[in-house]
Amino acid sequence: MPMTFTAPFAQNPKSLSVAVTAALGGLGTDAITGAQLLVTAGANGAIVSSISAMPRGTVTASSLVLFLVKSATSAIYRPIDSVLMPAYTLATTTAIPVTAFALISDATPLRLEAGDKLYVGSQVALAAGIVFTGRWMDY
């Protein structure tokens, strides 16, 4: 009897934005503070196609960090990517820069197991906040 292959394609496009105001703490440990949950993979996993950040006010150069938290070890935050957001002075005559995590794109998506979570944060506090946006699809 011939076998039929059914390919698992990503479905259910999702996006979420979170604002981070506090600076990250505990970077030398697995117990991070100041990070915000951005992505939670569904029951069959997920494929993340982009994560970016924009400041909501004047900002100094800031290190932005992406953490993976596995569903089986929910208290352990492991850094998996980092980018530098350039300094920017908020003005009505300039575009607000978008800082993208370059390792994650449509061409090189991040694949997550079921229940995995991605947290984001900044090593520099900003009272107005830095807004992170994630786009992904659950399998």
C-alpha atoms as a PDB file:
ATOM      1  CA  MET A   1       0.000   0.000   0.000  1.00  0.00           C
ATOM      2  CA  PRO A   2       1.515   3.393  -0.938  1.00  0.00           C
ATOM      3  CA  MET A   3       2.264   5.824   1.833  1.00  0.00           C
ATOM      4  CA  THR A   4       0.931   9.359   1.746  1.00  0.00           C
ATOM      5  CA  PHE A   5       3.204  12.107   3.029  1.00  0.00           C
ATOM      6  CA  THR A   6       1.487  15.026   4.732  1.00  0.00           C
ATOM      7  CA  ALA A   7       3.901  17.898   5.190  1.00  0.00           C
ATOM      8  CA  PRO A   8       3.554  19.930   8.399  1.00  0.00           C
ATOM      9  CA  PHE A   9       3.208  23.549   7.343  1.00  0.00           C
ATOM     10  CA  ALA A  10       3.198  26.490   9.724  1.00  0.00           C
ATOM     11  CA  GLN A  11      -0.275  27.902  10.277  1.00  0.00           C
ATOM     12  CA  ASN A  12      -2.000  30.573  12.332  1.00  0.00           C
ATOM     13  CA  PRO A  13       0.110  33.716  11.809  1.00  0.00           C
ATOM     14  CA  LYS A  14       0.662  35.608  15.057  1.00  0.00           C
ATOM     15  CA  SER A  15       2.251  38.839  16.183  1.00  0.00           C
ATOM     16  CA  LEU A  16       2.687  40.478  19.550  1.00  0.00           C
ATOM     17  CA  SER A  17       4.255  43.658  20.876  1.00  0.00           C
ATOM     18  CA  VAL A  18       5.549  44.227  24.397  1.00  0.00           C
ATOM     19  CA  ALA A  19       7.076  47.319  25.979  1.00  0.00           C
ATOM     20  CA  VAL A  20      10.206  46.976  28.102  1.00  0.00           C
ATOM     21  CA  THR A  21      11.054  49.803  30.511  1.00  0.00           C
ATOM     22  CA  ALA A  22      13.367  48.201  33.097  1.00  0.00           C
ATOM     23  CA  ALA A  23      16.987  47.238  32.529  1.00  0.00           C
ATOM     24  CA  LEU A  24      17.820  43.550  32.492  1.00  0.00           C
ATOM     25  CA  GLY A  25      19.319  42.140  35.662  1.00  0.00           C
ATOM     26  CA  GLY A  26      21.082  38.876  36.423  1.00  0.00           C
ATOM     27  CA  LEU A  27      22.736  38.486  33.026  1.00  0.00           C
ATOM     28  CA  GLY A  28      25.540  36.462  34.573  1.00  0.00           C
ATOM     29  CA  THR A  29      22.996  33.884  35.777  1.00  0.00           C
ATOM     30  CA  ASP A  30      20.020  31.912  34.471  1.00  0.00           C
ATOM     31  CA  ALA A  31      17.644  33.989  36.652  1.00  0.00           C
ATOM     32  CA  ILE A  32      17.011  37.079  34.521  1.00  0.00           C
ATOM     33  CA  THR A  33      14.924  40.030  35.694  1.00  0.00           C
ATOM     34  CA  GLY A  34      13.387  42.789  33.585  1.00  0.00           C
ATOM     35  CA  ALA A  35      12.633  40.629  30.533  1.00  0.00           C
ATOM     36  CA  GLN A  36       9.184  40.465  28.926  1.00  0.00           C
ATOM     37  CA  LEU A  37       7.518  37.450  27.288  1.00  0.00           C
ATOM     38  CA  LEU A  38       7.153  37.965  23.525  1.00  0.00           C
ATOM     39  CA  VAL A  39       6.528  34.549  21.921  1.00  0.00           C
ATOM     40  CA  THR A  40       5.042  31.282  23.184  1.00  0.00           C
ATOM     41  CA  ALA A  41       5.186  28.350  20.756  1.00  0.00           C
ATOM     42  CA  GLY A  42       1.990  26.353  20.297  1.00  0.00           C
ATOM     43  CA  ALA A  43       1.381  22.676  20.993  1.00  0.00           C
ATOM     44  CA  ASN A  44       3.267  21.589  17.853  1.00  0.00           C
ATOM     45  CA  GLY A  45       6.030  24.194  17.947  1.00  0.00           C
ATOM     46  CA  ALA A  46       6.442  27.430  16.019  1.00  0.00           C
ATOM     47  CA  ILE A  47       8.522  29.172  13.411  1.00  0.00           C
ATOM     48  CA  VAL A  48       9.589  32.750  14.228  1.00  0.00           C
ATOM     49  CA  SER A  49      10.230  34.969  11.196  1.00  0.00           C
ATOM     50  CA  SER A  50      11.103  38.312  12.791  1.00  0.00           C
ATOM     51  CA  ILE A  51      11.792  40.150  16.026  1.00  0.00           C
ATOM     52  CA  SER A  52      12.439  43.889  16.063  1.00  0.00           C
ATOM     53  CA  ALA A  53      12.470  46.812  18.483  1.00  0.00           C
ATOM     54  CA  MET A  54      11.686  50.555  18.430  1.00  0.00           C
ATOM     55  CA  PRO A  55      12.264  53.116  21.178  1.00  0.00           C
ATOM     56  CA  ARG A  56       9.315  55.242  22.324  1.00  0.00           C
ATOM     57  CA  GLY A  57      11.594  58.102  23.351  1.00  0.00           C
ATOM     58  CA  THR A  58      15.138  59.405  23.219  1.00  0.00           C
ATOM     59  CA  VAL A  59      17.482  56.510  23.860  1.00  0.00           C
ATOM     60  CA  THR A  60      21.199  55.982  24.351  1.00  0.00           C
ATOM     61  CA  ALA A  61      22.858  53.094  22.566  1.00  0.00           C
ATOM     62  CA  SER A  62      21.338  49.990  24.151  1.00  0.00           C
ATOM     63  CA  SER A  63      22.134  46.290  24.091  1.00  0.00           C
ATOM     64  CA  LEU A  64      18.958  44.299  23.380  1.00  0.00           C
ATOM     65  CA  VAL A  65      18.888  40.610  24.304  1.00  0.00           C
ATOM     66  CA  LEU A  66      16.700  37.673  23.236  1.00  0.00           C
ATOM     67  CA  PHE A  67      16.280  34.745  25.656  1.00  0.00           C
ATOM     68  CA  LEU A  68      15.030  31.203  25.080  1.00  0.00           C
ATOM     69  CA  VAL A  69      13.126  29.523  27.910  1.00  0.00           C
ATOM     70  CA  LYS A  70      12.435  25.835  27.365  1.00  0.00           C
ATOM     71  CA  SER A  71       9.078  24.496  28.534  1.00  0.00           C
ATOM     72  CA  ALA A  72      10.763  21.803  30.638  1.00  0.00           C
ATOM     73  CA  THR A  73      13.008  24.311  32.457  1.00  0.00           C
ATOM     74  CA  SER A  74      10.787  27.371  32.834  1.00  0.00           C
ATOM     75  CA  ALA A  75      13.060  29.180  35.313  1.00  0.00           C
ATOM     76  CA  ILE A  76      16.181  29.082  33.117  1.00  0.00           C
ATOM     77  CA  TYR A  77      16.686  32.022  30.746  1.00  0.00           C
ATOM     78  CA  ARG A  78      19.405  31.475  28.152  1.00  0.00           C
ATOM     79  CA  PRO A  79      20.519  34.280  25.814  1.00  0.00           C
ATOM     80  CA  ILE A  80      20.382  33.265  22.157  1.00  0.00           C
ATOM     81  CA  ASP A  81      20.808  36.589  20.335  1.00  0.00           C
ATOM     82  CA  SER A  82      21.716  40.217  20.961  1.00  0.00           C
ATOM     83  CA  VAL A  83      21.713  43.402  18.898  1.00  0.00           C
ATOM     84  CA  LEU A  84      22.752  46.994  19.491  1.00  0.00           C
ATOM     85  CA  MET A  85      20.034  49.629  19.251  1.00  0.00           C
ATOM     86  CA  PRO A  86      21.746  52.871  18.206  1.00  0.00           C
ATOM     87  CA  ALA A  87      21.341  56.101  20.131  1.00  0.00           C
ATOM     88  CA  TYR A  88      18.402  58.177  18.881  1.00  0.00           C
ATOM     89  CA  THR A  89      16.909  61.546  19.779  1.00  0.00           C
ATOM     90  CA  LEU A  90      13.138  61.562  19.381  1.00  0.00           C
ATOM     91  CA  ALA A  91      12.006  64.317  17.017  1.00  0.00           C
ATOM     92  CA  THR A  92       8.921  64.927  14.922  1.00  0.00           C
ATOM     93  CA  THR A  93      11.091  65.389  11.824  1.00  0.00           C
ATOM     94  CA  THR A  94      12.944  62.070  11.927  1.00  0.00           C
ATOM     95  CA  ALA A  95      11.936  58.461  11.480  1.00  0.00           C
ATOM     96  CA  ILE A  96      12.175  56.290  14.569  1.00  0.00           C
ATOM     97  CA  PRO A  97      14.746  53.574  13.813  1.00  0.00           C
ATOM     98  CA  VAL A  98      13.785  49.908  13.879  1.00  0.00           C
ATOM     99  CA  THR A  99      16.406  47.513  15.216  1.00  0.00           C
ATOM    100  CA  ALA A 100      15.979  43.955  13.956  1.00  0.00           C
ATOM    101  CA  PHE A 101      17.478  40.771  15.360  1.00  0.00           C
ATOM    102  CA  ALA A 102      19.400  39.887  12.192  1.00  0.00           C
ATOM    103  CA  LEU A 103      19.744  36.141  12.922  1.00  0.00           C
ATOM    104  CA  ILE A 104      15.946  35.774  12.613  1.00  0.00           C
ATOM    105  CA  SER A 105      14.341  36.466   9.240  1.00  0.00           C
ATOM    106  CA  ASP A 106      12.101  34.884   6.612  1.00  0.00           C
ATOM    107  CA  ALA A 107      15.257  33.391   5.080  1.00  0.00           C
ATOM    108  CA  THR A 108      16.616  32.127   8.441  1.00  0.00           C
ATOM    109  CA  PRO A 109      13.659  31.593  10.786  1.00  0.00           C
ATOM    110  CA  LEU A 110      13.987  30.413  14.368  1.00  0.00           C
ATOM    111  CA  ARG A 111      12.229  27.103  15.010  1.00  0.00           C
ATOM    112  CA  LEU A 112      10.811  26.497  18.473  1.00  0.00           C
ATOM    113  CA  GLU A 113       9.678  23.304  20.154  1.00  0.00           C
ATOM    114  CA  ALA A 114       6.217  23.021  21.688  1.00  0.00           C
ATOM    115  CA  GLY A 115       5.833  25.364  24.633  1.00  0.00           C
ATOM    116  CA  ASP A 116       9.172  27.162  24.173  1.00  0.00           C
ATOM    117  CA  LYS A 117       9.115  30.861  25.056  1.00  0.00           C
ATOM    118  CA  LEU A 118      11.102  33.855  23.872  1.00  0.00           C
ATOM    119  CA  TYR A 119      11.711  36.745  26.244  1.00  0.00           C
ATOM    120  CA  VAL A 120      13.201  40.120  25.309  1.00  0.00           C
ATOM    121  CA  GLY A 121      14.896  42.875  27.254  1.00  0.00           C
ATOM    122  CA  SER A 122      17.258  45.832  27.209  1.00  0.00           C
ATOM    123  CA  GLN A 123      20.407  46.311  29.256  1.00  0.00           C
ATOM    124  CA  VAL A 124      19.527  50.029  29.446  1.00  0.00           C
ATOM    125  CA  ALA A 125      16.333  51.210  31.172  1.00  0.00           C
ATOM    126  CA  LEU A 126      14.082  53.600  29.250  1.00  0.00           C
ATOM    127  CA  ALA A 127      11.095  55.101  31.073  1.00  0.00           C
ATOM    128  CA  ALA A 128       9.187  55.626  27.805  1.00  0.00           C
ATOM    129  CA  GLY A 129       9.882  52.009  26.876  1.00  0.00           C
ATOM    130  CA  ILE A 130      11.297  50.023  24.007  1.00  0.00           C
ATOM    131  CA  VAL A 131       8.629  48.188  22.039  1.00  0.00           C
ATOM    132  CA  PHE A 132       9.585  44.737  20.773  1.00  0.00           C
ATOM    133  CA  THR A 133       7.499  43.073  18.046  1.00  0.00           C
ATOM    134  CA  GLY A 134       7.579  39.387  17.186  1.00  0.00           C
ATOM    135  CA  ARG A 135       6.003  37.609  14.225  1.00  0.00           C
ATOM    136  CA  TRP A 136       5.596  33.838  14.138  1.00  0.00           C
ATOM    137  CA  MET A 137       3.384  30.954  13.082  1.00  0.00           C
ATOM    138  CA  ASP A 138       2.448  27.888  15.050  1.00  0.00           C
ATOM    139  CA  TYR A 139       2.679  24.490  13.375  1.00  0.00           C
END
